[in-house]
C-alpha atoms as a PDB file:
ATOM      1  CA  MET A   1       3.828  42.796 -15.747  1.00  0.00           C
ATOM      2  CA  SER A   2       5.459  39.833 -14.030  1.00  0.00           C
ATOM      3  CA  ASN A   3       5.650  36.528 -15.881  1.00  0.00           C
ATOM      4  CA  ALA A   4       5.812  34.554 -12.618  1.00  0.00           C
ATOM      5  CA  SER A   5       3.185  31.883 -12.277  1.00  0.00           C
ATOM      6  CA  SER A   6       0.390  32.555  -9.802  1.00  0.00           C
ATOM      7  CA  GLU A   7      -0.269  28.846  -9.248  1.00  0.00           C
ATOM      8  CA  PRO A   8       0.146  27.612  -5.643  1.00  0.00           C
ATOM      9  CA  PRO A   9       3.151  25.386  -4.913  1.00  0.00           C
ATOM     10  CA  GLN A  10       2.556  21.712  -5.553  1.00  0.00           C
ATOM     11  CA  GLN A  11       2.218  19.238  -2.718  1.00  0.00           C
ATOM     12  CA  PRO A  12       5.430  17.230  -2.319  1.00  0.00           C
ATOM     13  CA  THR A  13       5.320  13.646  -3.476  1.00  0.00           C
ATOM     14  CA  GLU A  14       5.779  10.730  -1.103  1.00  0.00           C
ATOM     15  CA  SER A  15       9.522  10.572  -1.928  1.00  0.00           C
ATOM     16  CA  GLN A  16       9.804  14.121  -0.605  1.00  0.00           C
ATOM     17  CA  VAL A  17       7.963  13.733   2.704  1.00  0.00           C
ATOM     18  CA  PRO A  18       9.610  16.209   5.066  1.00  0.00           C
ATOM     19  CA  TRP A  19       9.329  14.335   8.361  1.00  0.00           C
ATOM     20  CA  ASN A  20      12.012  12.176   9.919  1.00  0.00           C
ATOM     21  CA  PRO A  21      11.113   8.608   8.871  1.00  0.00           C
ATOM     22  CA  TRP A  22      11.855   7.120  12.288  1.00  0.00           C
ATOM     23  CA  TRP A  23       9.601   9.627  14.013  1.00  0.00           C
ATOM     24  CA  GLY A  24       7.036   8.846  11.343  1.00  0.00           C
ATOM     25  CA  LEU A  25       7.232   5.128  12.144  1.00  0.00           C
ATOM     26  CA  LEU A  26       6.865   5.828  15.860  1.00  0.00           C
ATOM     27  CA  PHE A  27       3.868   8.055  15.154  1.00  0.00           C
ATOM     28  CA  ALA A  28       2.228   5.343  13.019  1.00  0.00           C
ATOM     29  CA  ALA A  29       2.695   2.718  15.753  1.00  0.00           C
ATOM     30  CA  ILE A  30       1.306   5.006  18.458  1.00  0.00           C
ATOM     31  CA  VAL A  31      -1.698   5.969  16.340  1.00  0.00           C
ATOM     32  CA  PHE A  32      -2.431   2.337  15.412  1.00  0.00           C
ATOM     33  CA  TYR A  33      -2.606   1.182  19.030  1.00  0.00           C
ATOM     34  CA  ALA A  34      -3.910   4.378  20.635  1.00  0.00           C
ATOM     35  CA  SER A  35      -6.891   4.607  18.268  1.00  0.00           C
ATOM     36  CA  GLN A  36      -8.003   1.130  19.333  1.00  0.00           C
ATOM     37  CA  ILE A  37      -7.368   1.718  23.038  1.00  0.00           C
ATOM     38  CA  VAL A  38      -9.235   5.032  23.075  1.00  0.00           C
ATOM     39  CA  SER A  39     -12.171   3.531  21.150  1.00  0.00           C
ATOM     40  CA  ALA A  40     -12.370   0.579  23.546  1.00  0.00           C
ATOM     41  CA  LEU A  41     -12.260   2.902  26.562  1.00  0.00           C
ATOM     42  CA  VAL A  42     -15.029   5.099  25.168  1.00  0.00           C
ATOM     43  CA  ILE A  43     -17.254   2.087  24.504  1.00  0.00           C
ATOM     44  CA  SER A  44     -16.545   0.693  27.988  1.00  0.00           C
ATOM     45  CA  LEU A  45     -18.130   3.798  29.523  1.00  0.00           C
ATOM     46  CA  TYR A  46     -21.616   2.549  28.619  1.00  0.00           C
ATOM     47  CA  PRO A  47     -21.595  -0.667  30.710  1.00  0.00           C
ATOM     48  CA  ILE A  48     -19.946   1.300  33.540  1.00  0.00           C
ATOM     49  CA  TYR A  49     -22.764   3.850  33.346  1.00  0.00           C
ATOM     50  CA  LYS A  50     -25.325   1.015  33.366  1.00  0.00           C
ATOM     51  CA  HIS A  51     -23.576  -0.680  36.337  1.00  0.00           C
ATOM     52  CA  TRP A  52     -23.356  -3.983  34.498  1.00  0.00           C
ATOM     53  CA  SER A  53     -21.389  -6.927  35.815  1.00  0.00           C
ATOM     54  CA  ASN A  54     -18.094  -7.797  34.116  1.00  0.00           C
ATOM     55  CA  ALA A  55     -19.650 -10.912  32.574  1.00  0.00           C
ATOM     56  CA  ARG A  56     -22.534  -8.962  31.054  1.00  0.00           C
ATOM     57  CA  ALA A  57     -20.229  -6.208  29.792  1.00  0.00           C
ATOM     58  CA  VAL A  58     -17.896  -8.727  28.126  1.00  0.00           C
ATOM     59  CA  ASP A  59     -20.813 -10.578  26.526  1.00  0.00           C
ATOM     60  CA  TRP A  60     -22.217  -7.279  25.244  1.00  0.00           C
ATOM     61  CA  SER A  61     -18.911  -6.104  23.790  1.00  0.00           C
ATOM     62  CA  ASP A  62     -18.115  -9.472  22.202  1.00  0.00           C
ATOM     63  CA  ASN A  63     -21.504 -10.228  20.669  1.00  0.00           C
ATOM     64  CA  SER A  64     -23.103  -6.892  19.818  1.00  0.00           C
ATOM     65  CA  ILE A  65     -22.799  -5.947  16.159  1.00  0.00           C
ATOM     66  CA  SER A  66     -23.529  -2.330  17.072  1.00  0.00           C
ATOM     67  CA  VAL A  67     -20.554  -2.306  19.445  1.00  0.00           C
ATOM     68  CA  GLN A  68     -18.236  -3.793  16.817  1.00  0.00           C
ATOM     69  CA  PHE A  69     -19.466  -1.243  14.287  1.00  0.00           C
ATOM     70  CA  LEU A  70     -18.944   1.701  16.648  1.00  0.00           C
ATOM     71  CA  PHE A  71     -15.509   0.434  17.667  1.00  0.00           C
ATOM     72  CA  ILE A  72     -14.313   0.153  14.061  1.00  0.00           C
ATOM     73  CA  LEU A  73     -15.904   3.485  13.123  1.00  0.00           C
ATOM     74  CA  MET A  74     -14.189   5.285  16.011  1.00  0.00           C
ATOM     75  CA  ALA A  75     -10.827   3.541  15.652  1.00  0.00           C
ATOM     76  CA  GLU A  76     -10.604   4.116  11.904  1.00  0.00           C
ATOM     77  CA  GLY A  77     -11.866   7.681  12.265  1.00  0.00           C
ATOM     78  CA  LEU A  78      -9.301   8.480  14.953  1.00  0.00           C
ATOM     79  CA  MET A  79      -6.530   6.987  12.835  1.00  0.00           C
ATOM     80  CA  ILE A  80      -7.453   9.031   9.764  1.00  0.00           C
ATOM     81  CA  GLY A  81      -7.906  12.144  11.896  1.00  0.00           C
ATOM     82  CA  ALA A  82      -4.488  11.733  13.527  1.00  0.00           C
ATOM     83  CA  ILE A  83      -2.778  11.349  10.153  1.00  0.00           C
ATOM     84  CA  TYR A  84      -4.608  14.419   8.857  1.00  0.00           C
ATOM     85  CA  ALA A  85      -3.457  16.434  11.884  1.00  0.00           C
ATOM     86  CA  PHE A  86       0.117  15.185  11.385  1.00  0.00           C
ATOM     87  CA  LEU A  87       0.096  16.261   7.748  1.00  0.00           C
ATOM     88  CA  ARG A  88      -1.425  19.642   8.574  1.00  0.00           C
ATOM     89  CA  GLY A  89       1.477  20.195  10.956  1.00  0.00           C
ATOM     90  CA  TYR A  90       3.689  20.187   7.854  1.00  0.00           C
ATOM     91  CA  LYS A  91       1.165  22.261   5.875  1.00  0.00           C
ATOM     92  CA  LEU A  92       0.360  19.225   3.735  1.00  0.00           C
ATOM     93  CA  SER A  93      -2.820  17.442   2.709  1.00  0.00           C
ATOM     94  CA  PHE A  94      -3.612  13.767   2.131  1.00  0.00           C
ATOM     95  CA  LYS A  95      -2.395  14.290  -1.429  1.00  0.00           C
ATOM     96  CA  ALA A  96       1.180  14.168  -0.105  1.00  0.00           C
ATOM     97  CA  ILE A  97       0.699  10.472   0.748  1.00  0.00           C
ATOM     98  CA  GLY A  98      -1.254   9.545  -2.368  1.00  0.00           C
ATOM     99  CA  LEU A  99      -4.886  10.365  -1.594  1.00  0.00           C
ATOM    100  CA  ARG A 100      -5.521  12.563  -4.602  1.00  0.00           C
ATOM    101  CA  ARG A 101      -8.723  12.981  -6.598  1.00  0.00           C
ATOM    102  CA  PRO A 102      -9.930   9.587  -7.926  1.00  0.00           C
ATOM    103  CA  ARG A 103      -9.916   8.827 -11.649  1.00  0.00           C
ATOM    104  CA  TRP A 104     -11.784   6.253 -13.702  1.00  0.00           C
ATOM    105  CA  SER A 105      -8.442   4.621 -14.468  1.00  0.00           C
ATOM    106  CA  ASP A 106      -8.018   3.893 -10.734  1.00  0.00           C
ATOM    107  CA  LEU A 107     -11.199   1.822 -10.816  1.00  0.00           C
ATOM    108  CA  ALA A 108      -9.990   0.028 -13.935  1.00  0.00           C
ATOM    109  CA  TYR A 109      -6.611  -0.805 -12.396  1.00  0.00           C
ATOM    110  CA  GLY A 110      -8.244  -1.994  -9.178  1.00  0.00           C
ATOM    111  CA  LEU A 111     -10.649  -4.276 -11.042  1.00  0.00           C
ATOM    112  CA  ALA A 112      -7.937  -5.613 -13.346  1.00  0.00           C
ATOM    113  CA  ALA A 113      -5.742  -6.503 -10.371  1.00  0.00           C
ATOM    114  CA  VAL A 114      -8.337  -8.800  -8.752  1.00  0.00           C
ATOM    115  CA  PRO A 115      -7.563 -12.008 -10.724  1.00  0.00           C
ATOM    116  CA  PHE A 116      -3.811 -11.397 -10.479  1.00  0.00           C
ATOM    117  CA  TYR A 117      -4.032 -11.022  -6.694  1.00  0.00           C
ATOM    118  CA  PHE A 118      -6.027 -14.245  -6.284  1.00  0.00           C
ATOM    119  CA  LEU A 119      -3.700 -16.177  -8.609  1.00  0.00           C
ATOM    120  CA  PHE A 120      -0.640 -14.836  -6.754  1.00  0.00           C
ATOM    121  CA  TYR A 121      -2.240 -15.828  -3.445  1.00  0.00           C
ATOM    122  CA  VAL A 122      -3.181 -19.362  -4.528  1.00  0.00           C
ATOM    123  CA  LEU A 123       0.277 -20.051  -5.963  1.00  0.00           C
ATOM    124  CA  THR A 124       1.978 -18.684  -2.850  1.00  0.00           C
ATOM    125  CA  VAL A 125      -0.149 -20.752  -0.465  1.00  0.00           C
ATOM    126  CA  ALA A 126       0.495 -23.866  -2.560  1.00  0.00           C
ATOM    127  CA  ALA A 127       4.238 -23.216  -2.387  1.00  0.00           C
ATOM    128  CA  VAL A 128       4.174 -22.577   1.369  1.00  0.00           C
ATOM    129  CA  GLN A 129       2.121 -25.731   1.962  1.00  0.00           C
ATOM    130  CA  HIS A 130       4.705 -27.737   0.039  1.00  0.00           C
ATOM    131  CA  PHE A 131       7.412 -26.668   2.498  1.00  0.00           C
ATOM    132  CA  VAL A 132       5.173 -26.302   5.583  1.00  0.00           C
ATOM    133  CA  PRO A 133       2.538 -29.071   5.369  1.00  0.00           C
ATOM    134  CA  SER A 134       1.279 -28.215   8.863  1.00  0.00           C
ATOM    135  CA  LEU A 135      -0.005 -24.808   7.717  1.00  0.00           C
ATOM    136  CA  ASN A 136      -3.675 -24.593   8.680  1.00  0.00           C
ATOM    137  CA  ILE A 137      -5.428 -22.976   5.735  1.00  0.00           C
ATOM    138  CA  ASP A 138      -8.866 -23.595   7.296  1.00  0.00           C
ATOM    139  CA  GLN A 139      -8.273 -21.625  10.511  1.00  0.00           C
ATOM    140  CA  GLN A 140     -11.055 -19.067  10.846  1.00  0.00           C
ATOM    141  CA  GLN A 141     -10.465 -15.362  11.152  1.00  0.00           C
ATOM    142  CA  GLN A 142     -12.135 -13.799  14.198  1.00  0.00           C
ATOM    143  CA  LEU A 143     -13.911 -10.842  12.632  1.00  0.00           C
ATOM    144  CA  GLY A 144     -16.108  -9.987  15.614  1.00  0.00           C
ATOM    145  CA  PHE A 145     -19.303 -10.335  13.577  1.00  0.00           C
ATOM    146  CA  ASP A 146     -21.220 -13.522  14.335  1.00  0.00           C
ATOM    147  CA  HIS A 147     -24.866 -14.404  13.721  1.00  0.00           C
ATOM    148  CA  VAL A 148     -25.533 -11.389  11.519  1.00  0.00           C
ATOM    149  CA  SER A 149     -29.188 -11.208  10.519  1.00  0.00           C
ATOM    150  CA  GLY A 150     -31.477  -8.391   9.466  1.00  0.00           C
ATOM    151  CA  ALA A 151     -30.941  -5.450   7.146  1.00  0.00           C
ATOM    152  CA  VAL A 152     -29.456  -2.976   9.648  1.00  0.00           C
ATOM    153  CA  PRO A 153     -26.895  -5.404  11.156  1.00  0.00           C
ATOM    154  CA  LEU A 154     -25.927  -6.481   7.638  1.00  0.00           C
ATOM    155  CA  ILE A 155     -25.397  -2.860   6.570  1.00  0.00           C
ATOM    156  CA  MET A 156     -23.309  -2.146   9.683  1.00  0.00           C
ATOM    157  CA  THR A 157     -21.224  -5.252   9.012  1.00  0.00           C
ATOM    158  CA  PHE A 158     -20.735  -4.227   5.380  1.00  0.00           C
ATOM    159  CA  ILE A 159     -19.551  -0.751   6.356  1.00  0.00           C
ATOM    160  CA  SER A 160     -17.298  -2.195   9.072  1.00  0.00           C
ATOM    161  CA  LEU A 161     -15.574  -4.694   6.779  1.00  0.00           C
ATOM    162  CA  VAL A 162     -15.873  -3.443   3.198  1.00  0.00           C
ATOM    163  CA  VAL A 163     -15.934   0.366   3.446  1.00  0.00           C
ATOM    164  CA  LEU A 164     -13.961   1.548   6.477  1.00  0.00           C
ATOM    165  CA  PRO A 165     -10.909  -0.788   6.558  1.00  0.00           C
ATOM    166  CA  PRO A 166      -9.931  -0.374   2.886  1.00  0.00           C
ATOM    167  CA  LEU A 167     -10.086   3.405   3.213  1.00  0.00           C
ATOM    168  CA  ALA A 168      -8.367   3.731   6.598  1.00  0.00           C
ATOM    169  CA  GLU A 169      -5.795   0.979   6.074  1.00  0.00           C
ATOM    170  CA  GLU A 170      -4.749   2.278   2.672  1.00  0.00           C
ATOM    171  CA  ILE A 171      -4.329   5.793   4.047  1.00  0.00           C
ATOM    172  CA  MET A 172      -2.283   4.473   6.977  1.00  0.00           C
ATOM    173  CA  VAL A 173      -0.323   1.601   5.394  1.00  0.00           C
ATOM    174  CA  ARG A 174       0.131   2.201   1.654  1.00  0.00           C
ATOM    175  CA  GLY A 175      -0.150   5.946   2.198  1.00  0.00           C
ATOM    176  CA  PHE A 176       1.553   7.190   5.359  1.00  0.00           C
ATOM    177  CA  LEU A 177       3.637   4.150   6.365  1.00  0.00           C
ATOM    178  CA  TYR A 178       4.896   3.285   2.884  1.00  0.00           C
ATOM    179  CA  SER A 179       5.711   6.922   2.093  1.00  0.00           C
ATOM    180  CA  THR A 180       7.660   7.131   5.355  1.00  0.00           C
ATOM    181  CA  LEU A 181       9.573   3.888   4.773  1.00  0.00           C
ATOM    182  CA  LYS A 182      10.483   4.917   1.219  1.00  0.00           C
ATOM    183  CA  LYS A 183      12.419   7.815   2.694  1.00  0.00           C
ATOM    184  CA  ALA A 184      14.369   5.538   5.068  1.00  0.00           C
ATOM    185  CA  LEU A 185      14.895   2.404   2.965  1.00  0.00           C
ATOM    186  CA  PRO A 186      15.571   1.285  -0.611  1.00  0.00           C
ATOM    187  CA  LEU A 187      12.369   0.750  -2.587  1.00  0.00           C
ATOM    188  CA  GLY A 188      12.386  -3.059  -2.366  1.00  0.00           C
ATOM    189  CA  ALA A 189      13.033  -3.011   1.374  1.00  0.00           C
ATOM    190  CA  ALA A 190      10.248  -0.459   1.871  1.00  0.00           C
ATOM    191  CA  VAL A 191       7.811  -2.673  -0.058  1.00  0.00           C
ATOM    192  CA  VAL A 192       8.696  -5.818   1.907  1.00  0.00           C
ATOM    193  CA  THR A 193       8.769  -4.061   5.289  1.00  0.00           C
ATOM    194  CA  THR A 194       5.411  -2.377   4.717  1.00  0.00           C
ATOM    195  CA  SER A 195       3.851  -5.678   3.663  1.00  0.00           C
ATOM    196  CA  ALA A 196       5.422  -7.582   6.569  1.00  0.00           C
ATOM    197  CA  LEU A 197       4.085  -5.070   9.100  1.00  0.00           C
ATOM    198  CA  PHE A 198       0.633  -5.225   7.500  1.00  0.00           C
ATOM    199  CA  ALA A 199       0.731  -9.027   7.665  1.00  0.00           C
ATOM    200  CA  ALA A 200       1.912  -9.021  11.289  1.00  0.00           C
ATOM    201  CA  ALA A 201      -1.034  -6.815  12.264  1.00  0.00           C
ATOM    202  CA  HIS A 202      -3.380  -9.612  11.131  1.00  0.00           C
ATOM    203  CA  LEU A 203      -1.685 -12.442  13.044  1.00  0.00           C
ATOM    204  CA  PRO A 204      -3.726 -11.920  16.259  1.00  0.00           C
ATOM    205  CA  GLU A 205      -7.001 -12.385  14.359  1.00  0.00           C
ATOM    206  CA  GLY A 206      -6.838 -16.110  15.011  1.00  0.00           C
ATOM    207  CA  GLY A 207      -8.127 -15.430  18.520  1.00  0.00           C
ATOM    208  CA  ALA A 208      -7.876 -18.305  20.977  1.00  0.00           C
ATOM    209  CA  SER A 209      -6.725 -20.632  18.176  1.00  0.00           C
ATOM    210  CA  GLY A 210      -3.380 -18.853  17.987  1.00  0.00           C
ATOM    211  CA  PRO A 211      -1.674 -16.730  15.319  1.00  0.00           C
ATOM    212  CA  LEU A 212      -3.561 -16.672  12.027  1.00  0.00           C
ATOM    213  CA  TYR A 213      -0.673 -17.471   9.704  1.00  0.00           C
ATOM    214  CA  ILE A 214      -2.854 -17.984   6.648  1.00  0.00           C
ATOM    215  CA  ALA A 215      -4.236 -14.436   7.055  1.00  0.00           C
ATOM    216  CA  ALA A 216      -0.691 -13.101   7.412  1.00  0.00           C
ATOM    217  CA  ILE A 217       0.281 -14.780   4.136  1.00  0.00           C
ATOM    218  CA  ASP A 218      -2.869 -13.458   2.475  1.00  0.00           C
ATOM    219  CA  THR A 219      -2.362  -9.882   3.637  1.00  0.00           C
ATOM    220  CA  PHE A 220       1.347  -9.929   2.770  1.00  0.00           C
ATOM    221  CA  ILE A 221       0.527 -10.949  -0.819  1.00  0.00           C
ATOM    222  CA  LEU A 222      -2.338  -8.464  -0.937  1.00  0.00           C
ATOM    223  CA  SER A 223      -0.036  -5.678   0.235  1.00  0.00           C
ATOM    224  CA  LEU A 224       2.499  -6.409  -2.506  1.00  0.00           C
ATOM    225  CA  VAL A 225      -0.229  -6.012  -5.125  1.00  0.00           C
ATOM    226  CA  LEU A 226      -1.645  -2.924  -3.404  1.00  0.00           C
ATOM    227  CA  ILE A 227       1.777  -1.268  -3.378  1.00  0.00           C
ATOM    228  CA  TYR A 228       2.212  -2.103  -7.062  1.00  0.00           C
ATOM    229  CA  LEU A 229      -1.074  -0.293  -7.734  1.00  0.00           C
ATOM    230  CA  ARG A 230       0.073   2.559  -5.518  1.00  0.00           C
ATOM    231  CA  GLU A 231       3.221   2.992  -7.604  1.00  0.00           C
ATOM    232  CA  LYS A 232       1.534   2.338 -10.949  1.00  0.00           C
ATOM    233  CA  THR A 233      -1.192   4.947 -10.462  1.00  0.00           C
ATOM    234  CA  ASN A 234       0.694   7.346  -8.177  1.00  0.00           C
ATOM    235  CA  GLY A 235      -2.295   7.299  -5.856  1.00  0.00           C
ATOM    236  CA  LEU A 236      -4.298   5.225  -3.377  1.00  0.00           C
ATOM    237  CA  TRP A 237      -7.663   4.805  -5.081  1.00  0.00           C
ATOM    238  CA  ALA A 238      -6.743   1.750  -7.159  1.00  0.00           C
ATOM    239  CA  SER A 239      -5.434   0.117  -3.979  1.00  0.00           C
ATOM    240  CA  ILE A 240      -8.596   1.075  -2.100  1.00  0.00           C
ATOM    241  CA  THR A 241     -10.662  -0.424  -4.934  1.00  0.00           C
ATOM    242  CA  LEU A 242      -8.866  -3.786  -4.876  1.00  0.00           C
ATOM    243  CA  HIS A 243      -8.906  -3.905  -1.067  1.00  0.00           C
ATOM    244  CA  ALA A 244     -12.655  -3.183  -1.008  1.00  0.00           C
ATOM    245  CA  ILE A 245     -13.401  -5.797  -3.684  1.00  0.00           C
ATOM    246  CA  LYS A 246     -11.387  -8.419  -1.811  1.00  0.00           C
ATOM    247  CA  ASN A 247     -13.204  -7.663   1.452  1.00  0.00           C
ATOM    248  CA  GLY A 248     -16.505  -7.453  -0.402  1.00  0.00           C
ATOM    249  CA  ILE A 249     -16.095 -10.950  -1.833  1.00  0.00           C
ATOM    250  CA  ALA A 250     -15.408 -12.270   1.668  1.00  0.00           C
ATOM    251  CA  PHE A 251     -18.448 -10.377   3.008  1.00  0.00           C
ATOM    252  CA  VAL A 252     -20.779 -11.886   0.410  1.00  0.00           C
ATOM    253  CA  ALA A 253     -19.386 -15.378   0.991  1.00  0.00           C
ATOM    254  CA  LEU A 254     -19.644 -15.201   4.793  1.00  0.00           C
ATOM    255  CA  PHE A 255     -22.751 -13.132   5.452  1.00  0.00           C
ATOM    256  CA  VAL A 256     -24.893 -13.457   2.319  1.00  0.00           C
ATOM    257  CA  LEU A 257     -24.141 -16.962   1.043  1.00  0.00           C
ATOM    258  CA  ASN A 258     -23.148 -18.279   4.511  1.00  0.00           C
ATOM    259  CA  ILE A 259     -20.059 -20.042   3.181  1.00  0.00           C
ATOM    260  CA  HIS A 260     -17.646 -20.788   6.033  1.00  0.00           C
END
């Protein structure tokens, strides 16, 4: 009888991702923007079907919680689906970019990281304010969810802000993007570049008030901690946990306690 193991080959780790990192970066950028464009186009079909005026369609898309929920659901779903299809093209699963089976230790690491993240953030903002006194720390983030009232709108808002973004963004950013950059750059450069790109993606959330620099600082610091958890646990679930807790605290403050 043969002594060869019958176990299937292991999934490669993120340091062994087989794709060209520059093609991977291009793919990530295309998926990030295309998922939002496609979702917006699909949603725009409804007011076209109803023969609404431009003013009514814009008001509906800007102020309807259902529209915001559907947009985020579709965009995040398309992004995750595209990454899954990309991985399947290499005969890989999400495990190759860190989305393995969750463990109780992931929850523990995610919870333990909360105070360290907030302390890191507060100290960083204080330091930046010392050198850039004009930094507006009170500029509001345009989340797209205003005047939320009632159980169903509150649930949709919770899913849109606390459930979907932590899952999709960790798969895309700390999973696919970070794994790709680690193949192209030294570890430190991959960490900083991943965090800088994540921060830059949040700059437009200032809306008409201009770039939201305070959110960029926040998300850059958050990303550093999330990547630490990613490396410490060799998976994404601790990062997803911290990301969800952070968003959950903001959700409770804004939509339950009405603290603005």
